[in-house]
Amino acid sequence: MRSENTAFVGGPLDGRVLPVLTGATGHPPKWYEVPVPDAAGGPPAVYAYRRAPAGRTKRLGIQRGWIYEYAPEGRERPRWPWSKPGGKPPEPPR
């Protein structure tokens, strides 16, 4: 598989450039999650990064590549058209 050196912006990986595996289309994944082990032996903390365009060229406006931006709220849930915003899950039948 092919990898691409991708910069990380914000969060604990700010300023680092890491190789990220690309998919069949040549793009890195939309979300990159980094598990960090807990020093006390508890469950690991997971930091989420969202893929964003790195910028565009001046002359032709072609995209230059990708960066990962820190998302402190975590990974977004899918927004289905039939679900209510901020709705709670239905109660199980008794």
C-alpha atoms as a PDB file:
ATOM      1  CA  MET A   1       0.000   0.000   0.000  1.00  0.00           C
ATOM      2  CA  ARG A   2       1.028   3.575  -0.566  1.00  0.00           C
ATOM      3  CA  SER A   3       1.501   6.131   2.188  1.00  0.00           C
ATOM      4  CA  GLU A   4       1.546   9.919   2.147  1.00  0.00           C
ATOM      5  CA  ASN A   5       3.341  12.230   4.586  1.00  0.00           C
ATOM      6  CA  THR A   6       0.550  14.248   6.198  1.00  0.00           C
ATOM      7  CA  ALA A   7       0.829  17.213   8.585  1.00  0.00           C
ATOM      8  CA  PHE A   8      -1.194  17.375  11.816  1.00  0.00           C
ATOM      9  CA  VAL A   9      -2.545  20.718  13.106  1.00  0.00           C
ATOM     10  CA  GLY A  10      -3.675  21.273  16.696  1.00  0.00           C
ATOM     11  CA  GLY A  11      -3.972  18.860  19.573  1.00  0.00           C
ATOM     12  CA  PRO A  12      -1.179  16.681  20.914  1.00  0.00           C
ATOM     13  CA  LEU A  13       0.298  15.966  17.453  1.00  0.00           C
ATOM     14  CA  ASP A  14       0.554  19.655  16.450  1.00  0.00           C
ATOM     15  CA  GLY A  15       3.358  20.265  13.961  1.00  0.00           C
ATOM     16  CA  ARG A  16       4.187  16.611  13.345  1.00  0.00           C
ATOM     17  CA  VAL A  17       4.265  15.025   9.915  1.00  0.00           C
ATOM     18  CA  LEU A  18       3.435  11.326   9.882  1.00  0.00           C
ATOM     19  CA  PRO A  19       3.077   8.790   7.069  1.00  0.00           C
ATOM     20  CA  VAL A  20      -0.606   7.879   6.616  1.00  0.00           C
ATOM     21  CA  LEU A  21      -1.765   4.988   4.441  1.00  0.00           C
ATOM     22  CA  THR A  22      -3.916   6.014   1.492  1.00  0.00           C
ATOM     23  CA  GLY A  23      -6.950   4.160   0.213  1.00  0.00           C
ATOM     24  CA  ALA A  24      -7.758   2.831  -3.240  1.00  0.00           C
ATOM     25  CA  THR A  25      -8.532   6.371  -4.466  1.00  0.00           C
ATOM     26  CA  GLY A  26      -5.170   7.735  -3.294  1.00  0.00           C
ATOM     27  CA  HIS A  27      -6.694   9.804  -0.471  1.00  0.00           C
ATOM     28  CA  PRO A  28      -5.992   9.364   3.242  1.00  0.00           C
ATOM     29  CA  PRO A  29      -8.996   8.466   5.446  1.00  0.00           C
ATOM     30  CA  LYS A  30     -11.456  11.245   6.421  1.00  0.00           C
ATOM     31  CA  TRP A  31     -10.846  10.634  10.137  1.00  0.00           C
ATOM     32  CA  TYR A  32      -7.619   9.627  11.865  1.00  0.00           C
ATOM     33  CA  GLU A  33      -7.857   8.435  15.457  1.00  0.00           C
ATOM     34  CA  VAL A  34      -4.781   8.214  17.694  1.00  0.00           C
ATOM     35  CA  PRO A  35      -5.093   6.054  20.835  1.00  0.00           C
ATOM     36  CA  VAL A  36      -2.831   7.252  23.678  1.00  0.00           C
ATOM     37  CA  PRO A  37      -2.332   4.805  26.577  1.00  0.00           C
ATOM     38  CA  ASP A  38      -3.249   5.985  30.074  1.00  0.00           C
ATOM     39  CA  ALA A  39      -0.338   6.203  32.557  1.00  0.00           C
ATOM     40  CA  ALA A  40      -2.514   4.784  35.356  1.00  0.00           C
ATOM     41  CA  GLY A  41      -3.430   1.722  33.297  1.00  0.00           C
ATOM     42  CA  GLY A  42      -6.979   2.840  32.506  1.00  0.00           C
ATOM     43  CA  PRO A  43      -8.613   2.906  29.090  1.00  0.00           C
ATOM     44  CA  PRO A  44      -6.621   4.772  26.433  1.00  0.00           C
ATOM     45  CA  ALA A  45      -7.578   8.320  25.432  1.00  0.00           C
ATOM     46  CA  VAL A  46      -8.485   8.595  21.746  1.00  0.00           C
ATOM     47  CA  TYR A  47      -7.674  11.836  19.900  1.00  0.00           C
ATOM     48  CA  ALA A  48      -9.584  12.432  16.655  1.00  0.00           C
ATOM     49  CA  TYR A  49      -8.315  14.363  13.630  1.00  0.00           C
ATOM     50  CA  ARG A  50     -10.457  15.431  10.657  1.00  0.00           C
ATOM     51  CA  ARG A  51      -9.015  15.561   7.125  1.00  0.00           C
ATOM     52  CA  ALA A  52      -8.981  19.018   5.505  1.00  0.00           C
ATOM     53  CA  PRO A  53      -7.488  20.418   2.277  1.00  0.00           C
ATOM     54  CA  ALA A  54      -3.939  21.736   2.752  1.00  0.00           C
ATOM     55  CA  GLY A  55      -4.406  24.629   0.336  1.00  0.00           C
ATOM     56  CA  ARG A  56      -4.560  25.470  -3.338  1.00  0.00           C
ATOM     57  CA  THR A  57      -2.007  26.534  -5.911  1.00  0.00           C
ATOM     58  CA  LYS A  58      -2.112  30.186  -6.964  1.00  0.00           C
ATOM     59  CA  ARG A  59      -2.203  29.780 -10.707  1.00  0.00           C
ATOM     60  CA  LEU A  60      -4.566  26.871 -11.377  1.00  0.00           C
ATOM     61  CA  GLY A  61      -6.275  26.454  -8.020  1.00  0.00           C
ATOM     62  CA  ILE A  62      -5.340  22.781  -7.769  1.00  0.00           C
ATOM     63  CA  GLN A  63      -5.474  21.256  -4.311  1.00  0.00           C
ATOM     64  CA  ARG A  64      -2.017  20.732  -2.777  1.00  0.00           C
ATOM     65  CA  GLY A  65      -2.777  17.798  -0.530  1.00  0.00           C
ATOM     66  CA  TRP A  66      -4.264  17.095   2.875  1.00  0.00           C
ATOM     67  CA  ILE A  67      -3.719  18.003   6.514  1.00  0.00           C
ATOM     68  CA  TYR A  68      -5.374  16.656   9.636  1.00  0.00           C
ATOM     69  CA  GLU A  69      -7.035  19.170  11.993  1.00  0.00           C
ATOM     70  CA  TYR A  70      -7.645  18.298  15.639  1.00  0.00           C
ATOM     71  CA  ALA A  71     -11.309  17.740  16.532  1.00  0.00           C
ATOM     72  CA  PRO A  72     -11.635  18.073  20.343  1.00  0.00           C
ATOM     73  CA  GLU A  73     -15.317  17.043  20.234  1.00  0.00           C
ATOM     74  CA  GLY A  74     -14.346  13.686  18.730  1.00  0.00           C
ATOM     75  CA  ARG A  75     -15.590  11.923  15.662  1.00  0.00           C
ATOM     76  CA  GLU A  76     -18.884  13.138  14.210  1.00  0.00           C
ATOM     77  CA  ARG A  77     -21.828  10.787  14.184  1.00  0.00           C
ATOM     78  CA  PRO A  78     -23.636  10.170  10.889  1.00  0.00           C
ATOM     79  CA  ARG A  79     -26.537  12.522  10.285  1.00  0.00           C
ATOM     80  CA  TRP A  80     -29.412  10.504   8.899  1.00  0.00           C
ATOM     81  CA  PRO A  81     -32.294  12.422   7.308  1.00  0.00           C
ATOM     82  CA  TRP A  82     -34.895  10.532   9.355  1.00  0.00           C
ATOM     83  CA  SER A  83     -33.346  11.181  12.779  1.00  0.00           C
ATOM     84  CA  LYS A  84     -34.169  14.196  14.920  1.00  0.00           C
ATOM     85  CA  PRO A  85     -31.354  16.589  15.858  1.00  0.00           C
ATOM     86  CA  GLY A  86     -30.311  15.971  19.446  1.00  0.00           C
ATOM     87  CA  GLY A  87     -32.936  13.277  19.819  1.00  0.00           C
ATOM     88  CA  LYS A  88     -32.531  10.510  22.342  1.00  0.00           C
ATOM     89  CA  PRO A  89     -32.698   6.840  21.366  1.00  0.00           C
ATOM     90  CA  PRO A  90     -36.091   5.141  21.728  1.00  0.00           C
ATOM     91  CA  GLU A  91     -36.825   3.163  24.867  1.00  0.00           C
ATOM     92  CA  PRO A  92     -36.756  -0.621  24.502  1.00  0.00           C
ATOM     93  CA  PRO A  93     -40.186  -2.341  24.554  1.00  0.00           C
ATOM     94  CA  ARG A  94     -41.268  -3.897  27.834  1.00  0.00           C
END
